[in-house]
Protein backbone atom coordinates (compact mmCIF):
# COMPACT_ATOMS: atom_id res chain seq x y z
CA MET A 1 0.00 0.00 0.00
CA SER A 2 1.13 3.20 -0.78
CA ARG A 3 0.60 6.15 1.22
CA ILE A 4 -0.25 9.57 0.04
CA SER A 5 0.32 12.52 2.25
CA ILE A 6 -1.42 15.81 1.85
CA LEU A 7 0.19 18.71 3.40
CA VAL A 8 -2.07 21.62 4.32
CA LYS A 9 -0.31 24.85 4.79
CA ARG A 10 -1.67 27.40 7.20
CA PRO A 11 -0.99 31.02 6.57
CA LYS A 12 1.15 32.75 9.16
CA ARG A 13 -0.52 35.54 11.03
CA THR A 14 1.59 38.38 11.85
CA LEU A 15 1.23 40.54 14.92
CA GLY A 16 0.82 43.67 12.78
CA ALA A 17 -2.14 42.24 10.90
CA LEU A 18 -3.83 41.23 14.14
CA ALA A 19 -3.43 44.77 15.55
CA ALA A 20 -4.95 46.27 12.40
CA VAL A 21 -7.96 43.98 12.64
CA LEU A 22 -8.53 44.88 16.30
CA ALA A 23 -8.24 48.62 15.59
CA ALA A 24 -10.78 48.38 12.76
CA VAL A 25 -13.22 46.55 15.03
CA GLY A 26 -12.75 49.22 17.73
CA ILE A 27 -13.43 52.05 15.28
CA ALA A 28 -16.50 50.34 13.91
CA VAL A 29 -17.90 49.73 17.38
CA GLY A 30 -17.02 53.23 18.68
CA SER A 31 -18.22 55.28 15.73
CA GLY A 32 -21.64 53.88 15.09
CA ALA A 33 -23.01 53.23 18.56
CA ASN A 34 -23.30 56.75 20.17
CA PHE A 35 -26.04 59.40 20.05
CA THR A 36 -25.13 62.94 21.11
CA ALA A 37 -26.92 66.25 21.63
CA THR A 38 -25.74 69.71 22.69
CA THR A 39 -27.45 72.97 23.69
CA SER A 40 -26.13 76.25 25.11
CA ASN A 41 -27.23 79.56 26.68
CA PRO A 42 -24.81 82.25 25.53
CA SER A 43 -24.55 85.92 26.49
CA ASN A 44 -25.59 85.68 30.13
CA THR A 45 -25.15 89.27 31.33
CA PHE A 46 -25.17 90.70 34.84
CA SER A 47 -25.22 94.36 35.86
CA ALA A 48 -25.53 96.17 39.16
CA GLY A 49 -28.40 98.52 39.87
CA SER A 50 -28.00 101.96 41.38
CA LEU A 51 -29.33 103.78 44.41
CA SER A 52 -29.11 107.56 44.33
CA MET A 53 -31.20 110.48 45.47
CA SER A 54 -31.96 114.07 44.72
CA ASN A 55 -32.55 116.76 47.31
CA SER A 56 -34.39 119.90 46.23
CA LYS A 57 -32.28 121.91 48.68
CA ASP A 58 -29.00 120.07 48.33
CA ASN A 59 -26.25 121.79 50.33
CA ALA A 60 -28.69 124.45 51.55
CA ALA A 61 -30.79 124.98 54.67
CA ILE A 62 -34.32 123.60 54.80
CA LEU A 63 -35.36 126.41 57.12
CA THR A 64 -33.75 129.36 58.82
CA ALA A 65 -35.17 131.92 61.21
CA SER A 66 -33.71 134.91 62.94
CA ASN A 67 -34.95 137.16 65.73
CA LEU A 68 -37.17 134.44 67.17
CA LYS A 69 -39.02 135.11 70.39
CA PRO A 70 -40.56 132.39 72.58
CA GLY A 71 -43.63 130.92 70.87
CA ASP A 72 -42.54 131.79 67.29
CA THR A 73 -42.84 129.17 64.55
CA THR A 74 -40.93 128.71 61.30
CA THR A 75 -41.56 126.14 58.54
CA GLY A 76 -39.63 124.83 55.54
CA THR A 77 -40.02 122.01 53.03
CA VAL A 78 -37.67 119.79 51.05
CA ASP A 79 -38.29 117.19 48.33
CA ILE A 80 -36.31 113.94 48.44
CA GLN A 81 -36.41 111.56 45.46
CA ASN A 82 -34.98 108.12 44.74
CA THR A 83 -33.25 108.75 41.40
CA GLY A 84 -31.73 105.25 41.16
CA ASN A 85 -33.29 102.10 39.73
CA LEU A 86 -33.30 100.08 42.98
CA THR A 87 -35.72 100.30 45.89
CA GLY A 88 -34.09 101.79 48.97
CA THR A 89 -34.83 102.24 52.65
CA PHE A 90 -34.52 105.94 53.41
CA SER A 91 -33.73 107.67 56.69
CA LEU A 92 -33.09 111.12 58.13
CA SER A 93 -30.60 112.09 60.81
CA ARG A 94 -29.36 115.25 62.48
CA SER A 95 -25.65 115.97 62.93
CA ALA A 96 -23.22 118.81 63.56
CA LEU A 97 -25.37 120.42 66.24
CA THR A 98 -23.80 123.64 67.53
CA ASP A 99 -25.24 125.88 70.24
CA SER A 100 -23.77 129.33 70.87
CA ASP A 101 -24.54 129.02 74.61
CA SER A 102 -23.44 125.74 76.20
CA VAL A 103 -25.08 126.61 79.55
CA ASN A 104 -28.50 127.33 77.98
CA PRO A 105 -28.44 125.45 74.65
CA MET A 106 -31.13 126.84 72.37
CA SER A 107 -31.47 123.45 70.63
CA GLN A 108 -33.18 122.15 73.79
CA LYS A 109 -35.90 124.80 73.33
CA LEU A 110 -36.45 124.29 69.60
CA ASP A 111 -39.38 121.91 69.18
CA LEU A 112 -39.04 120.16 65.80
CA THR A 113 -41.73 118.31 63.85
CA VAL A 114 -40.95 116.52 60.58
CA LYS A 115 -43.95 115.41 58.48
CA ASP A 116 -44.04 113.30 55.32
CA CYS A 117 -46.42 115.16 52.99
CA GLY A 118 -46.61 112.11 50.72
CA ASN A 119 -45.24 110.50 47.61
CA PHE A 120 -45.65 112.50 44.40
CA SER A 121 -44.11 112.39 40.97
CA ALA A 122 -45.41 115.61 39.41
CA GLY A 123 -47.07 118.79 40.55
CA THR A 124 -46.91 120.20 44.05
CA PRO A 125 -47.98 118.09 47.01
CA THR A 126 -49.84 119.63 49.90
CA CYS A 127 -48.79 119.19 53.49
CA ASP A 128 -51.96 118.51 55.45
CA VAL A 129 -52.88 118.09 59.10
CA GLY A 130 -53.30 114.31 58.72
CA ASP A 131 -49.88 113.68 57.12
CA PRO A 132 -47.73 111.19 59.05
CA VAL A 133 -45.30 112.70 61.54
CA LYS A 134 -41.86 111.12 61.22
CA TYR A 135 -40.22 113.00 64.11
CA THR A 136 -41.40 115.15 66.97
CA GLY A 137 -39.16 116.36 69.78
CA THR A 138 -36.49 118.95 70.38
CA LEU A 139 -33.71 119.57 67.91
CA ALA A 140 -31.25 118.45 70.61
CA ALA A 141 -33.12 115.18 71.23
CA MET A 142 -32.89 114.04 67.60
CA THR A 143 -29.88 111.83 68.29
CA SER A 144 -30.70 108.77 66.21
CA SER A 145 -31.75 108.06 62.66
CA VAL A 146 -35.44 108.49 61.75
CA ALA A 147 -36.88 105.76 59.51
CA LEU A 148 -38.70 107.17 56.48
CA GLY A 149 -39.66 103.90 54.82
CA SER A 150 -39.07 102.28 51.46
CA TYR A 151 -38.75 104.33 48.28
CA ALA A 152 -39.18 102.56 44.95
CA ALA A 153 -37.27 103.90 41.95
CA SER A 154 -38.53 107.42 41.11
CA ASP A 155 -40.49 107.84 44.38
CA LYS A 156 -40.42 111.46 45.52
CA HIS A 157 -41.56 112.73 48.93
CA ARG A 158 -42.00 116.22 50.30
CA TYR A 159 -41.06 116.72 53.96
CA GLU A 160 -42.23 119.64 56.06
CA PHE A 161 -40.00 120.81 58.93
CA THR A 162 -41.64 122.99 61.58
CA VAL A 163 -39.69 124.54 64.46
CA VAL A 164 -41.33 126.24 67.42
CA PHE A 165 -39.17 128.26 69.81
CA ASN A 166 -40.61 126.87 73.04
CA SER A 167 -42.59 129.43 75.01
CA SER A 168 -40.76 128.38 78.19
CA ALA A 169 -37.50 129.88 76.89
CA GLY A 170 -36.72 132.85 79.12
CA ASN A 171 -34.14 135.61 79.28
CA PRO A 172 -31.11 133.26 79.37
CA TYR A 173 -31.83 132.41 75.68
CA GLN A 174 -31.74 135.98 74.38
CA GLY A 175 -29.25 136.34 71.55
CA ASP A 176 -28.56 132.56 71.42
CA SER A 177 -28.37 130.50 68.22
CA SER A 178 -28.31 126.88 67.13
CA THR A 179 -27.25 125.28 63.86
CA ALA A 180 -27.62 121.71 62.68
CA THR A 181 -27.18 119.57 59.60
CA PHE A 182 -29.92 117.23 58.36
CA GLN A 183 -28.67 114.20 56.44
CA TRP A 184 -30.64 111.85 54.20
CA ASP A 185 -29.45 108.27 53.74
CA ALA A 186 -30.61 105.31 51.70
CA VAL A 187 -29.64 101.63 51.67
CA SER A 188 -30.69 98.86 49.33
């Protein structure tokens, strides 16, 4: 018997060919299997508001009176407006009080009333008997800030200041004087 042998030859696989096949499979799997979506919100802008005020008698006296005698009254008005674009809490304070006579300070005999005549934007407001009183007491006793409330942007209030030289002031007050500064503040 004779024998016949058949030799089957297997191709050699190289390492480089195997790497190329694996890379191709990875690309095929990675590129076709994902869904994506994107959205954005550009141009987000932020700006600060402002809080400012106008004073119809800025850097000037609201009221002055000379040659007062006990029982005399003097009145003055001032308009305060929120000219910013933010709402603010407004207040009034008295500072820089100076009396010519330290033994008999006239400021202790000056009875002060401050009324809010109301919010107005045009025209002339009237100061009436029923308007809310924001401060009443002597000029000397006004030692802390007086709350005026919240002003929205453009709110404008007229305030009436009335001073009465107390009728109990006697001869020791002759020729005396008092000066004071009124300051308006706002915070937001």
